[in-house]
Structures are given as structure tokens and as C-alpha cells.
Amino acid sequence: MNITNDIKYIGVDDTDIDLFESQYIVPNGISYNSYLILDEKVAVMDTVDARKSEEWLTNLDAALGGRTPDYLVVHHMEPDHAGTIAQFVEKYPKAQIVASARAIQMMADFFEGVDFSGRTIAVKEGEELSLGEHTLQFFMAPMVHWPEVMVSYDKHDKVVFSADGFGKFGALSADEEWACEARRYYFNICGKYGAQVQTLLKKLATLDVECICPLHGPILKENLDYYIGLYDTWSRYDVETKGVFVAYASIHGGTAAVAHKVADMLRERGVGKVSVADLSRDDMAEAVEDAFRMDRLIVAAASYDGGVFPVMHDFLHHLQIKAYQNRKVGIIENGSWAPCAGRVMRSMLEQMKQVEIVEPVVTIRSRMKASDLPALEALADAMM
């Protein structure tokens, strides 16, 4: 695939993988993107996961057309992008590795026994590398989402190689809408680092960008304002969709019934989009995505072992470590003899930044009854 006259796509799809980073369900696989710039000098832009090293090396060899790489540019040292560096070094011993100083330090930890001495070029913010007509300019992007990350800008073709930024789940062969899987990818992979993403976006705003080449997902060439606008919204923790996400953790169905009842009440009030998730069965990464997407959240959970049902604790923990903030949250607890889920959920939510806990906190005893409806109605009114 040609990105421009001189830039070729040499990445691979992985449709055999079941869990990305051993935790994220990827029903349509994932792509490991890599690019080749053919100029007076030849630059390879990242490698791929070791799972697909042989296929990638075949793609690289075919695209080179008999030429030899002068440089390997490493934007990110995570193994899904750097997993084939050792094979590259062995096959192309004269090529120089261009990366941030921190990335070069990391290489010895990932590739024991590989001698990188004299093989690396450490670049700093704003430095450039001439390939001939093409000049790469480097911008550091620490904690998007590892500390060694950088991005590069091809000044000739106005292409940004954005590392994990603007990536998405799903192989390139998957025919699916960008935003849904890009959103799930962003909040679960980069969500904690909104401030750092904002810093990177400000750097990109100074450039004339006509194409974004991420390390996962499709190459973005058209309507770039749309993609950059979403990244700006996500990284500022702003609201993308007005509505309420109802997330419940139910043991025997009683709490589930309450969650669906309050969702119906919200729909009757016209709050906007209302989405409901069963945390025991639905994809946790999608639940995290929906919590960040909407401006309001209701958590409903059964009490369990003097605390809260574990999947709700897991969900709130995910929100905590991904820097959930600037939202309004309602709480519903259930308990047959000593309701305590609400106390635990409140404690976890209070540790999050600018989260408003809505009153009343509703307590259900085992099963929803007619006498519980006024409190649920009051909560629905308070969520407006």
C-alpha cells in the first residue's frame, strides 16, 4: 500500500490474537503498523510484534526492492511495535536506530545479548534527520503512553507518524467505523494521560498535517479535523455525548432489575442517550469507554462480603487509574441484611477529580418494591 509516492505501508494484520495487552478483547484483531520511506536514504518506521515478525520482514524485503535500510526509527518501545528490532539488527547490520534517549536505554532490557553500541542515534525535541527530499522532524511525547515515546513529522509529504496516538483496535481488513474502537482504545490505553496528549496536540497544531500514520488502525488522510477534534475532547475529559451510562453489578438479578428501571425513568425524562451495561458479562473496556463518553453515570451494585460485588469494584478501579473526572454520578446499592456497597462506591468515587455524587443514594433491600420507586424517581430527577 502506498501512503504517498515515497512512503509505503509494510505493516501486518493480526486476526489470531484474542486479547490485546492480555486484557482487551479484540474481536476484529489488531494491526501492527510499520512504514517505509524510500529516498536517497531509506528509513523504516517501527517494526511489529514478534507474533508477525516473519510476515513483516517479507513485506519489508518486497518493498525495499533490493535496497538496504539506512535507518530504523523507533517511536515506541512497547513489544507490539518493537518486537522485531533484534531480527532487523541482525539482518541489516549497517542500519542506524533512531530513537529518543530513553528508548535507547530500554532496548537493552528488551533484547538481552544484542549489541546496540555504535548503532543508535538519540534525537531530541525538534531535531531533524534528512533522508534527501524528505526530512523527519522529531517531537517528544513522553507518557503518550510510555515515557520514551516520540512522534515524527515528514516535512516533505506533511505526514505525522503518531506512535500510539490516533490508533484503534481492529485489523485494517475489518470494515468498521473508526470512532467506536478508537475511543475504546484511547480511554483504556491513553486515558490516564490527557494532559500529555494535550501537550502533543499543541505541538501538532504548529504543523501543516495532511496525513496521520498511527501504529494501530487506518491511515488518516481525510477530515483530519474530526479525528483531532475527538482527541482534543477526550484528552480534556470533556463530554462527547450528553446522556447517562448505567453500570450495574448484580448477583441474582435484583440489582439488574433496578438498573433497568432507573434507565427507563431516565429515558422518560429525555436525558439524552441512555446506555446500560452488565459489568459481569459486558466488555469492561467498553464500559470504561461509555463512562468517559457520557456526562453522567449511575452505578448500581449488590453488597458482597462486607463490601461491593467484585466486578463493580473492578470497574471503579479502572475509572480511578484512567483518571475519570468532571462527571456527575448517582449511586444505587442493594443488600439483603447489611447494605454496604454504597459506602464502598462512594469512597472510591470521592477519590476521583471533580466527581459530583448525586443525592439521594438509593438503598434496595433484596428486591425492588413499590416503596422504592419514589427514591428512584428522585434520583432520576437529580440526574437531569
Protein backbone atom coordinates (compact mmCIF):
# COMPACT_ATOMS: atom_id res chain seq x y z
CA MET A 1 0.00 0.00 0.00
CA ASN A 2 1.37 3.43 -0.97
CA ILE A 3 0.75 6.24 1.51
CA THR A 4 2.48 8.76 -0.77
CA ASN A 5 4.85 8.34 -3.71
CA ASP A 6 7.75 7.60 -1.37
CA ILE A 7 6.05 6.25 1.76
CA LYS A 8 4.84 2.66 1.76
CA TYR A 9 2.81 0.68 4.29
CA ILE A 10 4.59 -2.53 5.35
CA GLY A 11 2.59 -3.43 8.47
CA VAL A 12 0.59 -6.58 9.17
CA ASP A 13 -2.81 -7.57 10.48
CA ASP A 14 -3.14 -9.91 13.44
CA THR A 15 -6.53 -11.60 13.33
CA ASP A 16 -5.48 -14.54 15.50
CA ILE A 17 -4.98 -12.57 18.71
CA ASP A 18 -7.77 -12.84 21.30
CA LEU A 19 -6.65 -10.29 23.90
CA PHE A 20 -4.60 -7.19 23.16
CA GLU A 21 -2.17 -6.49 26.02
CA SER A 22 -3.63 -9.66 27.56
CA GLN A 23 -6.73 -7.74 28.67
CA TYR A 24 -8.63 -6.06 25.81
CA ILE A 25 -10.99 -8.14 23.70
CA VAL A 26 -10.29 -7.55 20.00
CA PRO A 27 -12.93 -9.44 18.02
CA ASN A 28 -11.63 -7.93 14.77
CA GLY A 29 -7.96 -8.32 15.64
CA ILE A 30 -5.36 -5.56 15.59
CA SER A 31 -2.97 -4.09 13.06
CA TYR A 32 0.72 -3.57 13.73
CA ASN A 33 1.59 -0.64 11.50
CA SER A 34 5.01 -0.02 10.04
CA TYR A 35 6.09 2.24 7.21
CA LEU A 36 8.97 2.62 4.77
CA ILE A 37 10.30 5.90 3.34
CA LEU A 38 12.29 5.48 0.13
CA ASP A 39 14.54 8.45 -0.60
CA GLU A 40 18.30 8.92 -1.04
CA LYS A 41 18.38 7.35 2.39
CA VAL A 42 15.90 4.63 3.38
CA ALA A 43 14.06 4.82 6.70
CA VAL A 44 11.94 2.09 8.27
CA MET A 45 9.35 3.50 10.65
CA ASP A 46 8.98 0.96 13.51
CA THR A 47 8.84 -2.82 13.47
CA VAL A 48 5.96 -5.07 14.61
CA ASP A 49 5.04 -7.58 17.28
CA ALA A 50 7.18 -10.73 17.30
CA ARG A 51 4.00 -12.69 16.56
CA LYS A 52 4.18 -11.34 13.00
CA SER A 53 7.92 -10.85 12.51
CA GLU A 54 8.33 -13.21 9.56
CA GLU A 55 5.42 -11.67 7.65
CA TRP A 56 6.73 -8.17 8.36
CA LEU A 57 10.26 -8.98 7.22
CA THR A 58 8.81 -10.38 4.00
CA ASN A 59 6.80 -7.19 3.47
CA LEU A 60 9.88 -5.08 4.17
CA ASP A 61 12.06 -7.03 1.77
CA ALA A 62 9.49 -6.75 -1.02
CA ALA A 63 9.02 -3.01 -0.50
CA LEU A 64 12.76 -2.35 -0.43
CA GLY A 65 13.13 -3.69 -3.96
CA GLY A 66 16.74 -4.65 -3.39
CA ARG A 67 17.70 -1.57 -1.39
CA THR A 68 19.05 -1.65 2.18
CA PRO A 69 17.66 0.42 5.10
CA ASP A 70 19.83 3.22 6.42
CA TYR A 71 17.70 3.92 9.48
CA LEU A 72 15.14 2.30 11.74
CA VAL A 73 13.08 4.96 13.51
CA VAL A 74 11.65 3.66 16.79
CA HIS A 75 8.78 5.78 18.05
CA HIS A 76 7.71 3.47 20.89
CA MET A 77 9.41 0.54 22.63
CA GLU A 78 6.31 -1.45 23.57
CA PRO A 79 6.71 -5.01 22.24
CA ASP A 80 3.79 -4.81 19.82
CA HIS A 81 5.85 -2.23 17.88
CA ALA A 82 9.44 -3.01 18.83
CA GLY A 83 9.21 -6.80 18.95
CA THR A 84 11.23 -7.36 15.78
CA ILE A 85 14.12 -4.96 16.42
CA ALA A 86 16.56 -7.80 17.14
CA GLN A 87 15.79 -9.54 13.84
CA PHE A 88 16.11 -6.22 12.00
CA VAL A 89 19.50 -5.52 13.57
CA GLU A 90 20.75 -8.97 12.61
CA LYS A 91 19.50 -8.72 9.03
CA TYR A 92 20.62 -5.12 8.42
CA PRO A 93 23.80 -4.64 10.49
CA LYS A 94 24.71 -1.28 8.92
CA ALA A 95 21.36 0.42 9.68
CA GLN A 96 21.28 3.03 12.46
CA ILE A 97 18.47 3.05 15.04
CA VAL A 98 16.95 6.49 15.60
CA ALA A 99 15.01 6.94 18.83
CA SER A 100 14.70 9.00 21.99
CA ALA A 101 17.46 8.58 24.55
CA ARG A 102 15.01 6.84 26.90
CA ALA A 103 14.00 4.35 24.19
CA ILE A 104 17.64 3.52 23.53
CA GLN A 105 18.13 2.84 27.24
CA MET A 106 15.16 0.46 27.17
CA MET A 107 16.45 -1.63 24.27
CA ALA A 108 19.00 -3.49 26.39
CA ASP A 109 16.23 -4.53 28.77
CA PHE A 110 14.11 -5.97 25.99
CA PHE A 111 16.90 -7.56 23.94
CA GLU A 112 19.50 -9.16 26.17
CA GLY A 113 22.64 -10.06 24.29
CA VAL A 114 22.03 -7.72 21.35
CA ASP A 115 24.88 -5.25 20.94
CA PHE A 116 23.47 -1.81 20.14
CA SER A 117 26.76 0.04 20.69
CA GLY A 118 27.52 2.35 17.79
CA ARG A 119 24.16 1.51 16.24
CA THR A 120 21.93 4.20 17.74
CA ILE A 121 21.22 7.89 17.23
CA ALA A 122 19.47 9.60 20.15
CA VAL A 123 17.32 12.51 18.99
CA LYS A 124 15.89 15.39 20.98
CA GLU A 125 12.89 17.69 20.68
CA GLY A 126 12.77 19.44 17.32
CA GLU A 127 15.86 17.76 15.86
CA GLU A 128 15.79 16.71 12.22
CA LEU A 129 17.06 13.85 10.07
CA SER A 130 17.49 14.38 6.33
CA LEU A 131 16.76 11.47 4.02
CA GLY A 132 17.18 13.52 0.84
CA GLU A 133 13.99 15.24 -0.27
CA HIS A 134 12.33 14.05 2.93
CA THR A 135 13.28 15.50 6.29
CA LEU A 136 11.99 13.96 9.51
CA GLN A 137 11.47 16.26 12.48
CA PHE A 138 11.11 14.65 15.91
CA PHE A 139 8.84 15.66 18.78
CA MET A 140 8.98 14.05 22.19
CA ALA A 141 5.68 12.71 23.53
CA PRO A 142 6.50 11.30 26.98
CA MET A 143 3.68 9.34 28.65
CA VAL A 144 1.62 9.03 25.49
CA HIS A 145 1.56 6.43 26.87
CA TRP A 146 5.12 5.35 27.80
CA PRO A 147 7.92 7.72 28.86
CA GLU A 148 10.13 7.14 25.80
CA VAL A 149 7.53 7.87 23.13
CA MET A 150 8.20 10.31 20.32
CA VAL A 151 6.44 11.17 17.07
CA SER A 152 7.95 12.28 13.80
CA TYR A 153 6.86 14.63 11.03
CA ASP A 154 7.85 14.24 7.40
CA LYS A 155 8.18 17.85 6.24
CA HIS A 156 8.11 16.89 2.54
CA ASP A 157 4.86 14.91 2.44
CA LYS A 158 3.36 16.54 5.57
CA VAL A 159 2.85 13.19 7.29
CA VAL A 160 2.81 12.66 11.06
CA PHE A 161 3.93 9.28 12.36
CA SER A 162 1.92 9.44 15.58
CA ALA A 163 3.03 6.35 17.55
CA ASP A 164 0.03 5.05 19.55
CA GLY A 165 -1.80 8.36 19.13
CA PHE A 166 -4.86 8.14 16.86
CA GLY A 167 -4.71 4.33 16.97
CA LYS A 168 -7.64 1.96 17.21
CA PHE A 169 -8.46 -1.67 17.82
CA GLY A 170 -9.30 -3.79 14.79
CA ALA A 171 -7.26 -5.11 11.87
CA LEU A 172 -7.07 -2.99 8.72
CA SER A 173 -9.09 -5.68 6.98
CA ALA A 174 -12.01 -5.03 9.36
CA ASP A 175 -14.77 -2.90 7.88
CA GLU A 176 -15.86 -0.84 10.86
CA GLU A 177 -16.45 2.75 11.91
CA TRP A 178 -13.35 4.47 13.31
CA ALA A 179 -14.61 6.33 16.36
CA CYS A 180 -16.04 3.46 18.43
CA GLU A 181 -12.91 1.31 18.54
CA ALA A 182 -10.61 4.35 18.57
CA ARG A 183 -12.49 5.65 21.62
CA ARG A 184 -12.28 2.30 23.42
CA TYR A 185 -8.58 2.19 22.54
CA TYR A 186 -7.91 5.75 23.70
CA PHE A 187 -9.57 5.64 27.10
CA ASN A 188 -8.18 2.24 28.02
CA ILE A 189 -4.65 2.76 26.66
CA CYS A 190 -4.01 6.52 26.92
CA GLY A 191 -6.91 7.72 29.08
CA LYS A 192 -4.83 8.48 32.16
CA TYR A 193 -2.55 10.79 30.20
CA GLY A 194 -4.89 13.50 28.96
CA ALA A 195 -2.52 16.33 29.90
CA GLN A 196 0.31 14.73 27.95
CA VAL A 197 -1.95 14.17 24.93
CA GLN A 198 -2.93 17.84 25.10
CA THR A 199 0.74 18.80 25.02
CA LEU A 200 1.27 16.67 21.92
CA LEU A 201 -1.82 18.12 20.21
CA LYS A 202 -0.44 21.62 20.74
CA LYS A 203 2.78 20.57 19.02
CA LEU A 204 0.88 19.06 16.09
CA ALA A 205 -1.17 22.25 15.77
CA THR A 206 2.00 24.08 14.69
CA LEU A 207 2.47 21.72 11.73
CA ASP A 208 0.85 21.52 8.32
CA VAL A 209 -0.51 17.97 8.56
CA GLU A 210 -2.11 16.20 5.61
CA CYS A 211 -1.85 12.60 6.83
CA ILE A 212 -1.59 10.78 10.18
CA CYS A 213 0.07 7.36 10.28
CA PRO A 214 -0.58 5.67 13.64
CA LEU A 215 0.90 2.42 14.92
CA HIS A 216 -2.54 0.76 15.05
CA GLY A 217 -5.53 1.25 12.80
CA PRO A 218 -6.12 3.01 9.49
CA ILE A 219 -4.04 5.77 7.95
CA LEU A 220 -5.97 9.02 8.33
CA LYS A 221 -5.96 11.32 5.30
CA GLU A 222 -9.36 12.98 5.09
CA ASN A 223 -11.37 15.03 7.56
CA LEU A 224 -8.42 15.30 9.96
CA ASP A 225 -10.23 17.98 11.95
CA TYR A 226 -12.75 15.33 13.00
CA TYR A 227 -10.13 12.95 14.40
CA ILE A 228 -8.07 15.69 16.03
CA GLY A 229 -11.25 17.22 17.46
CA LEU A 230 -12.23 13.95 19.12
CA TYR A 231 -8.75 13.55 20.57
CA ASP A 232 -8.99 17.09 21.93
CA THR A 233 -12.34 16.32 23.57
CA TRP A 234 -11.17 13.00 25.00
CA SER A 235 -7.88 14.32 26.35
CA ARG A 236 -9.57 17.29 28.06
CA TYR A 237 -12.03 14.85 29.69
CA ASP A 238 -14.86 16.82 28.12
CA VAL A 239 -18.25 15.36 27.28
CA GLU A 240 -18.67 13.76 23.88
CA THR A 241 -22.28 12.58 24.30
CA LYS A 242 -24.96 14.03 26.57
CA GLY A 243 -26.55 11.15 28.44
CA VAL A 244 -26.38 8.68 31.31
CA PHE A 245 -24.45 5.43 31.45
CA VAL A 246 -25.96 2.93 33.90
CA ALA A 247 -23.46 0.29 35.00
CA TYR A 248 -24.68 -2.49 37.27
CA ALA A 249 -23.25 -5.45 39.14
CA SER A 250 -25.98 -7.90 40.04
CA ILE A 251 -25.73 -11.34 41.67
CA HIS A 252 -29.23 -12.82 41.37
CA GLY A 253 -30.99 -10.28 39.17
CA GLY A 254 -32.42 -7.91 41.77
CA THR A 255 -29.94 -5.12 41.14
CA ALA A 256 -30.24 -5.64 37.38
CA ALA A 257 -33.98 -5.01 37.59
CA VAL A 258 -33.37 -1.78 39.48
CA ALA A 259 -30.78 -0.61 36.96
CA HIS A 260 -33.12 -1.17 34.04
CA LYS A 261 -35.97 0.53 35.90
CA VAL A 262 -33.97 3.70 36.55
CA ALA A 263 -32.79 3.64 32.93
CA ASP A 264 -36.44 3.65 31.82
CA MET A 265 -37.14 6.57 34.15
CA LEU A 266 -34.24 8.50 32.62
CA ARG A 267 -35.48 7.82 29.10
CA GLU A 268 -38.93 9.07 30.08
CA ARG A 269 -37.31 12.31 31.22
CA GLY A 270 -35.44 12.74 27.93
CA VAL A 271 -31.94 12.96 29.42
CA GLY A 272 -30.32 12.14 26.08
CA LYS A 273 -28.66 8.83 25.32
CA VAL A 274 -29.12 6.14 27.99
CA SER A 275 -26.88 3.08 27.89
CA VAL A 276 -26.94 0.12 30.30
CA ALA A 277 -24.14 -2.40 30.94
CA ASP A 278 -23.99 -5.62 32.92
CA LEU A 279 -20.49 -5.49 34.34
CA SER A 280 -20.47 -9.25 34.91
CA ARG A 281 -20.97 -10.00 31.23
CA ASP A 282 -20.22 -6.99 29.08
CA ASP A 283 -16.75 -5.97 27.97
CA MET A 284 -15.10 -3.98 30.76
CA ALA A 285 -13.16 -1.86 28.26
CA GLU A 286 -16.42 -0.82 26.59
CA ALA A 287 -17.89 0.05 29.98
CA VAL A 288 -14.90 2.30 30.68
CA GLU A 289 -15.33 3.86 27.24
CA ASP A 290 -19.03 4.64 27.83
CA ALA A 291 -18.34 6.11 31.26
CA PHE A 292 -15.90 8.59 29.73
CA ARG A 293 -18.07 9.24 26.69
CA MET A 294 -21.14 10.45 28.60
CA ASP A 295 -21.52 13.26 31.10
CA ARG A 296 -23.41 11.26 33.74
CA LEU A 297 -23.05 7.83 35.33
CA ILE A 298 -25.18 5.70 37.64
CA VAL A 299 -23.53 2.77 39.40
CA ALA A 300 -25.78 0.07 40.87
CA ALA A 301 -24.29 -2.83 42.79
CA ALA A 302 -25.04 -5.57 45.25
CA SER A 303 -23.27 -5.66 48.60
CA TYR A 304 -20.81 -8.54 48.91
CA ASP A 305 -18.54 -9.79 51.71
CA GLY A 306 -18.79 -6.54 53.61
CA GLY A 307 -18.02 -4.51 50.51
CA VAL A 308 -19.21 -4.27 46.91
CA PHE A 309 -19.70 -7.01 44.31
CA PRO A 310 -16.20 -7.51 42.77
CA VAL A 311 -16.97 -6.55 39.17
CA MET A 312 -18.17 -3.12 40.32
CA HIS A 313 -15.02 -2.67 42.38
CA ASP A 314 -13.02 -3.61 39.28
CA PHE A 315 -14.95 -1.11 37.14
CA LEU A 316 -14.44 1.76 39.58
CA HIS A 317 -10.78 0.82 39.93
CA HIS A 318 -10.43 1.05 36.15
CA LEU A 319 -12.02 4.51 36.23
CA GLN A 320 -9.66 5.59 39.00
CA ILE A 321 -6.47 4.55 37.20
CA LYS A 322 -7.66 6.09 33.92
CA ALA A 323 -8.27 9.48 35.63
CA TYR A 324 -12.07 9.58 35.40
CA GLN A 325 -13.21 13.13 36.20
CA ASN A 326 -15.63 16.01 35.62
CA ARG A 327 -18.75 13.87 35.81
CA LYS A 328 -21.99 13.56 37.80
CA VAL A 329 -22.56 10.13 39.39
CA GLY A 330 -25.56 8.52 41.08
CA ILE A 331 -25.33 5.51 43.40
CA ILE A 332 -27.73 2.59 43.97
CA GLU A 333 -26.86 -0.14 46.46
CA ASN A 334 -28.55 -3.43 47.23
CA GLY A 335 -28.23 -5.58 50.33
CA SER A 336 -30.33 -8.24 51.99
CA TRP A 337 -29.21 -7.63 55.60
CA ALA A 338 -26.35 -5.08 55.75
CA PRO A 339 -26.17 -2.88 52.65
CA CYS A 340 -22.61 -1.60 52.28
CA ALA A 341 -22.00 -1.33 48.54
CA GLY A 342 -22.92 2.35 48.53
CA ARG A 343 -20.31 3.21 51.15
CA VAL A 344 -17.56 1.49 49.16
CA MET A 345 -18.62 3.01 45.85
CA ARG A 346 -18.84 6.50 47.37
CA SER A 347 -15.37 6.13 48.88
CA MET A 348 -13.86 5.15 45.53
CA LEU A 349 -15.68 7.91 43.64
CA GLU A 350 -14.64 10.56 46.15
CA GLN A 351 -11.02 9.87 45.25
CA MET A 352 -11.67 10.94 41.66
CA LYS A 353 -11.24 14.50 40.43
CA GLN A 354 -14.33 16.75 40.27
CA VAL A 355 -16.84 13.93 40.52
CA GLU A 356 -20.18 15.11 41.88
CA ILE A 357 -22.06 12.43 43.81
CA VAL A 358 -25.77 12.93 43.36
CA GLU A 359 -28.24 12.53 46.20
CA PRO A 360 -30.15 10.52 47.13
CA VAL A 361 -28.06 7.37 47.35
CA VAL A 362 -30.73 4.72 46.89
CA THR A 363 -30.77 1.58 49.03
CA ILE A 364 -32.69 -1.51 47.90
CA ARG A 365 -33.38 -4.43 50.20
CA SER A 366 -33.06 -7.64 48.15
CA ARG A 367 -35.72 -6.83 45.55
CA MET A 368 -37.19 -3.61 44.18
CA LYS A 369 -40.60 -2.83 45.68
CA ALA A 370 -43.26 -0.20 45.10
CA SER A 371 -41.96 1.65 48.14
CA ASP A 372 -38.55 2.05 46.42
CA LEU A 373 -39.93 3.86 43.38
CA PRO A 374 -40.10 7.37 44.91
CA ALA A 375 -36.39 7.24 45.78
CA LEU A 376 -35.54 6.03 42.27
CA GLU A 377 -37.70 8.79 40.78
CA ALA A 378 -35.87 11.33 42.97
CA LEU A 379 -32.52 10.02 41.75
CA ALA A 380 -33.67 10.19 38.13
CA ASP A 381 -34.80 13.79 38.67
CA ALA A 382 -31.45 14.67 40.28
CA MET A 383 -29.57 13.27 37.28
CA MET A 384 -31.27 15.73 34.91
